[in-house]
């Protein structure tokens, strides 16, 4: 009789341990899935923009979060690197340089035509009140590149833009 009670306790402990492990595994799987879906570790889409034969490799900011962050916090851009902001509609787009560590050129694009360029926009001196940059007319794309790129590569208003998005 005593042996049966000991075996039942032993069986109950094993069942409890198995159930406990299953619950822990389920919690870990759920949390891992949650954090992989909602984390910022998902890489942005990328592609290329071609302007007057010059190819620029771009990260593509499509979501509101990616667009709000932009290049803020980046250390630098390579000469042929940029960030392309893709919008679903045409509007006046206000851009600011909050959190920027280097100056940039901002290229305002309507469909596939450059309609305005803000050249050599400086790093803000007052992070709490950065200047706001706005195009002359409504746009549905904005391209940010290293300051001086437009001047060096003769990128100008009226140039045609091609998109190669992966």
Protein backbone atom coordinates (compact mmCIF):
# COMPACT_ATOMS: atom_id res chain seq x y z
CA UNK A 1 0.00 0.00 0.00
CA UNK A 2 2.81 2.38 0.87
CA UNK A 3 4.52 1.62 -2.47
CA UNK A 4 1.34 2.49 -4.39
CA UNK A 5 1.07 5.88 -2.62
CA UNK A 6 4.71 6.63 -3.45
CA UNK A 7 4.17 5.67 -7.10
CA UNK A 8 1.04 7.89 -7.30
CA UNK A 9 2.97 10.84 -5.83
CA UNK A 10 5.81 10.19 -8.26
CA UNK A 11 3.36 9.99 -11.21
CA UNK A 12 1.63 13.20 -10.06
CA UNK A 13 4.99 14.99 -9.85
CA UNK A 14 5.90 13.87 -13.37
CA UNK A 15 2.53 15.00 -14.75
CA UNK A 16 2.88 18.35 -12.98
CA UNK A 17 6.43 18.82 -14.35
CA UNK A 18 5.31 17.98 -17.91
CA UNK A 19 2.36 20.39 -17.71
CA UNK A 20 4.61 23.10 -16.26
CA UNK A 21 7.15 22.65 -19.09
CA UNK A 22 4.42 22.74 -21.75
CA UNK A 23 3.04 26.00 -20.30
CA UNK A 24 6.53 27.56 -20.22
CA UNK A 25 7.17 26.50 -23.84
CA UNK A 26 3.84 28.01 -24.95
CA UNK A 27 4.64 31.29 -23.16
CA UNK A 28 8.09 31.46 -24.78
CA UNK A 29 6.67 30.78 -28.26
CA UNK A 30 3.93 33.41 -27.86
CA UNK A 31 6.36 36.06 -26.55
CA UNK A 32 8.92 35.32 -29.28
CA UNK A 33 6.24 35.64 -31.97
CA UNK A 34 4.94 38.86 -30.45
CA UNK A 35 8.35 40.50 -30.26
CA UNK A 36 9.39 39.42 -33.74
CA UNK A 37 6.21 40.92 -35.21
CA UNK A 38 6.28 44.18 -33.28
CA UNK A 39 9.99 44.86 -32.94
CA UNK A 40 12.01 47.36 -34.95
CA UNK A 41 14.44 44.63 -35.96
CA UNK A 42 12.53 43.96 -39.16
CA UNK A 43 14.67 45.40 -41.93
CA UNK A 44 13.19 48.06 -44.13
CA UNK A 45 12.51 47.25 -47.74
CA UNK A 46 15.22 48.41 -50.10
CA UNK A 47 15.71 49.19 -53.72
CA UNK A 48 17.25 51.68 -56.09
CA UNK A 49 16.36 55.08 -57.45
CA UNK A 50 17.77 56.17 -60.78
CA UNK A 51 18.01 59.87 -61.61
CA UNK A 52 19.56 60.94 -64.90
CA UNK A 53 21.57 57.71 -65.07
CA UNK A 54 22.81 57.95 -61.47
CA UNK A 55 21.84 54.98 -59.28
CA UNK A 56 21.16 55.50 -55.58
CA UNK A 57 20.69 52.53 -53.26
CA UNK A 58 17.78 53.28 -50.92
CA UNK A 59 16.10 52.02 -47.81
CA UNK A 60 12.37 52.50 -48.29
CA UNK A 61 10.26 54.12 -45.58
CA UNK A 62 6.65 53.02 -46.20
CA UNK A 63 5.11 52.74 -42.74
CA UNK A 64 4.26 55.78 -40.60
CA UNK A 65 6.82 54.63 -38.01
CA UNK A 66 9.60 54.28 -40.61
CA UNK A 67 8.67 57.65 -42.07
CA UNK A 68 8.65 59.36 -38.66
CA UNK A 69 12.10 57.95 -37.82
CA UNK A 70 13.64 58.51 -41.24
CA UNK A 71 17.39 58.93 -40.99
CA UNK A 72 17.28 60.06 -37.35
CA UNK A 73 20.01 58.33 -35.40
CA UNK A 74 21.95 57.19 -38.47
CA UNK A 75 25.66 57.99 -38.29
CA UNK A 76 26.17 58.69 -42.01
CA UNK A 77 25.17 57.93 -45.60
CA UNK A 78 27.42 56.66 -48.36
CA UNK A 79 27.71 58.77 -51.51
CA UNK A 80 25.23 56.64 -53.47
CA UNK A 81 22.92 55.82 -50.55
CA UNK A 82 19.64 57.36 -49.46
CA UNK A 83 16.21 56.89 -47.96
CA UNK A 84 13.09 56.94 -50.12
CA UNK A 85 9.81 57.89 -48.46
CA UNK A 86 6.85 56.39 -50.31
CA UNK A 87 3.40 57.87 -49.74
CA UNK A 88 0.03 56.63 -51.01
CA UNK A 89 -1.21 60.07 -51.93
CA UNK A 90 0.08 63.47 -52.98
CA UNK A 91 0.31 66.13 -50.29
CA UNK A 92 2.56 68.84 -49.00
CA UNK A 93 5.02 66.85 -46.87
CA UNK A 94 6.66 68.54 -43.91
CA UNK A 95 10.10 67.20 -43.03
CA UNK A 96 12.35 68.12 -40.13
CA UNK A 97 15.84 67.08 -39.08
CA UNK A 98 15.20 66.09 -35.48
CA UNK A 99 17.75 63.52 -34.29
CA UNK A 100 19.91 63.95 -37.40
CA UNK A 101 23.68 63.64 -37.09
CA UNK A 102 24.64 64.90 -40.56
CA UNK A 103 23.28 67.32 -43.19
CA UNK A 104 21.30 66.05 -46.19
CA UNK A 105 19.72 67.05 -49.48
CA UNK A 106 15.94 66.53 -49.56
CA UNK A 107 14.56 65.75 -53.02
CA UNK A 108 10.80 66.25 -53.44
CA UNK A 109 9.25 64.06 -56.15
CA UNK A 110 5.80 64.03 -57.76
CA UNK A 111 5.31 60.61 -59.39
CA UNK A 112 8.56 60.41 -61.37
CA UNK A 113 9.59 64.07 -61.63
CA UNK A 114 11.70 66.14 -59.22
CA UNK A 115 9.70 69.25 -58.34
CA UNK A 116 11.88 70.75 -55.59
CA UNK A 117 15.18 70.23 -53.76
CA UNK A 118 16.22 71.43 -50.31
CA UNK A 119 20.03 71.39 -50.57
CA UNK A 120 22.45 71.04 -47.68
CA UNK A 121 19.83 71.06 -44.91
CA UNK A 122 21.94 71.40 -41.75
CA UNK A 123 21.85 69.43 -38.53
CA UNK A 124 19.53 71.44 -36.24
CA UNK A 125 21.14 73.57 -33.55
CA UNK A 126 17.99 73.41 -31.40
CA UNK A 127 16.73 69.81 -31.16
CA UNK A 128 13.52 71.01 -29.49
CA UNK A 129 12.67 73.36 -32.34
CA UNK A 130 14.14 72.01 -35.61
CA UNK A 131 13.34 73.84 -38.85
CA UNK A 132 10.61 72.36 -41.03
CA UNK A 133 11.21 71.82 -44.75
CA UNK A 134 8.29 71.75 -47.22
CA UNK A 135 8.14 71.38 -51.01
CA UNK A 136 6.71 73.97 -53.37
CA UNK A 137 3.88 71.62 -54.37
CA UNK A 138 2.34 68.30 -53.42
CA UNK A 139 4.50 65.15 -53.63
CA UNK A 140 4.14 61.42 -53.16
CA UNK A 141 7.86 60.59 -52.87
CA UNK A 142 10.71 62.17 -50.94
CA UNK A 143 14.33 61.13 -51.31
CA UNK A 144 16.97 62.00 -48.73
CA UNK A 145 20.63 61.78 -49.76
CA UNK A 146 23.98 62.94 -48.42
CA UNK A 147 24.36 66.74 -48.41
CA UNK A 148 26.03 67.97 -51.58
CA UNK A 149 24.96 64.93 -53.63
CA UNK A 150 22.58 66.94 -55.84
CA UNK A 151 25.23 69.55 -56.58
CA UNK A 152 27.98 66.97 -57.21
CA UNK A 153 25.81 64.81 -59.51
CA UNK A 154 23.96 67.71 -61.18
CA UNK A 155 20.56 66.51 -59.90
CA UNK A 156 18.03 69.26 -60.57
CA UNK A 157 14.33 70.15 -60.61
CA UNK A 158 12.67 68.58 -63.65
CA UNK A 159 14.85 65.45 -63.70
CA UNK A 160 13.06 62.13 -64.21
CA UNK A 161 13.17 59.49 -61.48
CA UNK A 162 12.97 55.71 -61.98
CA UNK A 163 12.24 53.30 -59.09
CA UNK A 164 13.54 49.77 -58.70
CA UNK A 165 11.90 48.47 -55.52
CA UNK A 166 12.62 44.98 -54.24
